[in-house]
Amino acid sequence: MLWYKVQKLLIEKDMSINQLSLKMGLSKNNRTMYQFKDGKIKKPSFELMCKIADALDVSLDYFRKEES
């Protein structure tokens, strides 16, 4: 479910996973976001979620809220 919220923001901001990764300070070859997308990271760390929120310019609360 968390990935779908990230994906929604990526679409809204016209940003790719690679662009997000670079904005998060991850290397070009880092597979973290693809692992998250593919469900291999089921419980992302607080640090990872902070980096994602910062890179997408949203509050961490965005990821806590239930979809309507």
N, C-alpha and C. Protein backbone atom coordinates (compact mmCIF):
# COMPACT_ATOMS: atom_id res chain seq x y z
N MET A 1 0.81 -1.18 0.00
CA MET A 1 0.00 0.00 0.00
C MET A 1 0.87 1.26 0.00
N LEU A 2 1.94 1.24 0.73
CA LEU A 2 2.83 2.41 0.74
C LEU A 2 3.37 2.71 -0.64
N TRP A 3 3.73 1.66 -1.37
CA TRP A 3 4.28 1.91 -2.70
C TRP A 3 3.28 2.65 -3.58
N TYR A 4 2.00 2.33 -3.46
CA TYR A 4 1.00 2.97 -4.31
C TYR A 4 0.92 4.47 -4.03
N LYS A 5 1.14 4.85 -2.79
CA LYS A 5 1.16 6.28 -2.46
C LYS A 5 2.39 6.95 -3.06
N VAL A 6 3.52 6.26 -3.01
CA VAL A 6 4.74 6.79 -3.64
C VAL A 6 4.52 6.90 -5.14
N GLN A 7 3.97 5.86 -5.73
CA GLN A 7 3.73 5.85 -7.18
C GLN A 7 2.79 6.98 -7.60
N LYS A 8 1.76 7.22 -6.80
CA LYS A 8 0.82 8.30 -7.09
C LYS A 8 1.54 9.65 -7.14
N LEU A 9 2.42 9.87 -6.17
CA LEU A 9 3.19 11.11 -6.14
C LEU A 9 4.16 11.21 -7.31
N LEU A 10 4.77 10.09 -7.66
CA LEU A 10 5.68 10.10 -8.81
C LEU A 10 4.94 10.52 -10.08
N ILE A 11 3.75 10.01 -10.25
CA ILE A 11 2.95 10.36 -11.43
C ILE A 11 2.58 11.85 -11.38
N GLU A 12 2.12 12.31 -10.22
CA GLU A 12 1.73 13.71 -10.07
C GLU A 12 2.90 14.66 -10.35
N LYS A 13 4.10 14.25 -9.95
CA LYS A 13 5.27 15.10 -10.09
C LYS A 13 6.06 14.80 -11.36
N ASP A 14 5.53 13.89 -12.19
CA ASP A 14 6.18 13.50 -13.44
C ASP A 14 7.64 13.13 -13.19
N MET A 15 7.83 12.21 -12.25
CA MET A 15 9.17 11.81 -11.81
C MET A 15 9.32 10.30 -11.95
N SER A 16 10.47 9.86 -12.37
CA SER A 16 10.74 8.42 -12.48
C SER A 16 11.32 7.90 -11.16
N ILE A 17 11.36 6.58 -11.05
CA ILE A 17 11.96 5.97 -9.87
C ILE A 17 13.44 6.34 -9.79
N ASN A 18 14.12 6.36 -10.92
CA ASN A 18 15.53 6.74 -10.93
C ASN A 18 15.72 8.18 -10.47
N GLN A 19 14.86 9.07 -10.92
CA GLN A 19 14.96 10.47 -10.49
C GLN A 19 14.72 10.59 -8.99
N LEU A 20 13.75 9.84 -8.49
CA LEU A 20 13.47 9.84 -7.06
C LEU A 20 14.69 9.33 -6.29
N SER A 21 15.26 8.23 -6.75
CA SER A 21 16.43 7.65 -6.08
C SER A 21 17.57 8.66 -6.00
N LEU A 22 17.83 9.35 -7.11
CA LEU A 22 18.91 10.34 -7.12
C LEU A 22 18.59 11.50 -6.19
N LYS A 23 17.34 11.92 -6.15
CA LYS A 23 16.94 13.01 -5.26
C LYS A 23 17.05 12.60 -3.80
N MET A 24 16.92 11.30 -3.55
CA MET A 24 17.05 10.76 -2.20
C MET A 24 18.51 10.61 -1.79
N GLY A 25 19.42 10.81 -2.74
CA GLY A 25 20.84 10.66 -2.45
C GLY A 25 21.35 9.25 -2.63
N LEU A 26 20.56 8.42 -3.30
CA LEU A 26 20.99 7.05 -3.57
C LEU A 26 21.76 7.03 -4.88
N SER A 27 22.66 6.08 -5.01
CA SER A 27 23.45 6.00 -6.25
C SER A 27 22.58 5.53 -7.41
N LYS A 28 23.06 5.76 -8.59
CA LYS A 28 22.34 5.39 -9.81
C LYS A 28 22.06 3.89 -9.86
N ASN A 29 22.97 3.09 -9.32
CA ASN A 29 22.84 1.63 -9.37
C ASN A 29 22.13 1.04 -8.16
N ASN A 30 21.69 1.91 -7.24
CA ASN A 30 21.02 1.43 -6.04
C ASN A 30 19.64 0.87 -6.42
N ARG A 31 19.33 -0.30 -5.95
CA ARG A 31 18.08 -0.99 -6.31
C ARG A 31 17.00 -0.86 -5.23
N THR A 32 17.24 -0.07 -4.21
CA THR A 32 16.32 0.01 -3.07
C THR A 32 14.90 0.32 -3.49
N MET A 33 14.70 1.33 -4.32
CA MET A 33 13.34 1.72 -4.68
C MET A 33 12.67 0.67 -5.56
N TYR A 34 13.44 -0.02 -6.38
CA TYR A 34 12.85 -1.11 -7.17
C TYR A 34 12.47 -2.29 -6.28
N GLN A 35 13.27 -2.54 -5.24
CA GLN A 35 12.92 -3.60 -4.29
C GLN A 35 11.64 -3.23 -3.54
N PHE A 36 11.52 -1.96 -3.18
CA PHE A 36 10.31 -1.47 -2.52
C PHE A 36 9.11 -1.64 -3.46
N LYS A 37 9.27 -1.23 -4.70
CA LYS A 37 8.19 -1.34 -5.70
C LYS A 37 7.78 -2.79 -5.91
N ASP A 38 8.76 -3.69 -5.97
CA ASP A 38 8.49 -5.11 -6.23
C ASP A 38 8.01 -5.88 -5.01
N GLY A 39 7.88 -5.19 -3.87
CA GLY A 39 7.39 -5.83 -2.66
C GLY A 39 8.43 -6.60 -1.88
N LYS A 40 9.70 -6.46 -2.26
CA LYS A 40 10.76 -7.15 -1.54
C LYS A 40 11.09 -6.44 -0.22
N ILE A 41 10.75 -5.17 -0.15
CA ILE A 41 10.85 -4.43 1.11
C ILE A 41 9.41 -4.22 1.58
N LYS A 42 9.01 -5.03 2.53
CA LYS A 42 7.62 -4.99 3.00
C LYS A 42 7.41 -3.96 4.09
N LYS A 43 8.42 -3.74 4.91
CA LYS A 43 8.35 -2.76 5.99
C LYS A 43 9.54 -1.82 5.85
N PRO A 44 9.39 -0.77 5.04
CA PRO A 44 10.51 0.15 4.84
C PRO A 44 10.90 0.83 6.15
N SER A 45 12.17 1.11 6.29
CA SER A 45 12.67 1.73 7.50
C SER A 45 12.18 3.17 7.61
N PHE A 46 12.22 3.69 8.82
CA PHE A 46 11.86 5.08 9.07
C PHE A 46 12.76 5.99 8.24
N GLU A 47 14.05 5.67 8.21
CA GLU A 47 15.02 6.47 7.44
C GLU A 47 14.65 6.51 5.96
N LEU A 48 14.30 5.35 5.40
CA LEU A 48 13.93 5.30 3.99
C LEU A 48 12.68 6.15 3.74
N MET A 49 11.68 6.02 4.60
CA MET A 49 10.45 6.79 4.41
C MET A 49 10.71 8.29 4.56
N CYS A 50 11.61 8.68 5.45
CA CYS A 50 11.96 10.10 5.58
C CYS A 50 12.60 10.60 4.30
N LYS A 51 13.50 9.82 3.72
CA LYS A 51 14.16 10.21 2.47
C LYS A 51 13.15 10.33 1.33
N ILE A 52 12.22 9.39 1.27
CA ILE A 52 11.19 9.43 0.23
C ILE A 52 10.32 10.66 0.41
N ALA A 53 9.85 10.90 1.63
CA ALA A 53 8.99 12.06 1.90
C ALA A 53 9.71 13.36 1.56
N ASP A 54 10.97 13.48 1.96
CA ASP A 54 11.74 14.69 1.66
C ASP A 54 11.91 14.88 0.16
N ALA A 55 12.24 13.80 -0.54
CA ALA A 55 12.47 13.89 -1.98
C ALA A 55 11.19 14.23 -2.74
N LEU A 56 10.05 13.80 -2.22
CA LEU A 56 8.77 14.07 -2.87
C LEU A 56 8.09 15.32 -2.29
N ASP A 57 8.73 15.94 -1.33
CA ASP A 57 8.24 17.17 -0.72
C ASP A 57 6.86 17.00 -0.10
N VAL A 58 6.72 15.93 0.69
CA VAL A 58 5.48 15.69 1.44
C VAL A 58 5.84 15.37 2.88
N SER A 59 4.86 15.47 3.74
CA SER A 59 5.03 15.11 5.14
C SER A 59 4.98 13.59 5.29
N LEU A 60 5.62 13.08 6.31
CA LEU A 60 5.51 11.65 6.60
C LEU A 60 4.05 11.27 6.88
N ASP A 61 3.28 12.22 7.36
CA ASP A 61 1.87 11.95 7.63
C ASP A 61 1.11 11.52 6.38
N TYR A 62 1.57 11.97 5.22
CA TYR A 62 0.93 11.57 3.96
C TYR A 62 0.90 10.05 3.84
N PHE A 63 1.94 9.40 4.30
CA PHE A 63 2.03 7.94 4.17
C PHE A 63 1.28 7.21 5.28
N ARG A 64 0.89 7.92 6.31
CA ARG A 64 0.14 7.31 7.41
C ARG A 64 -1.35 7.33 7.17
N LYS A 65 -1.82 8.29 6.41
CA LYS A 65 -3.24 8.46 6.20
C LYS A 65 -3.80 7.35 5.32
N GLU A 66 -5.02 6.95 5.66
CA GLU A 66 -5.72 5.94 4.86
C GLU A 66 -6.28 6.61 3.62
N GLU A 67 -6.28 5.87 2.51
CA GLU A 67 -6.88 6.37 1.27
C GLU A 67 -8.38 6.39 1.41
N SER A 68 -9.01 7.39 0.85
CA SER A 68 -10.49 7.47 0.90
C SER A 68 -11.10 6.73 -0.26
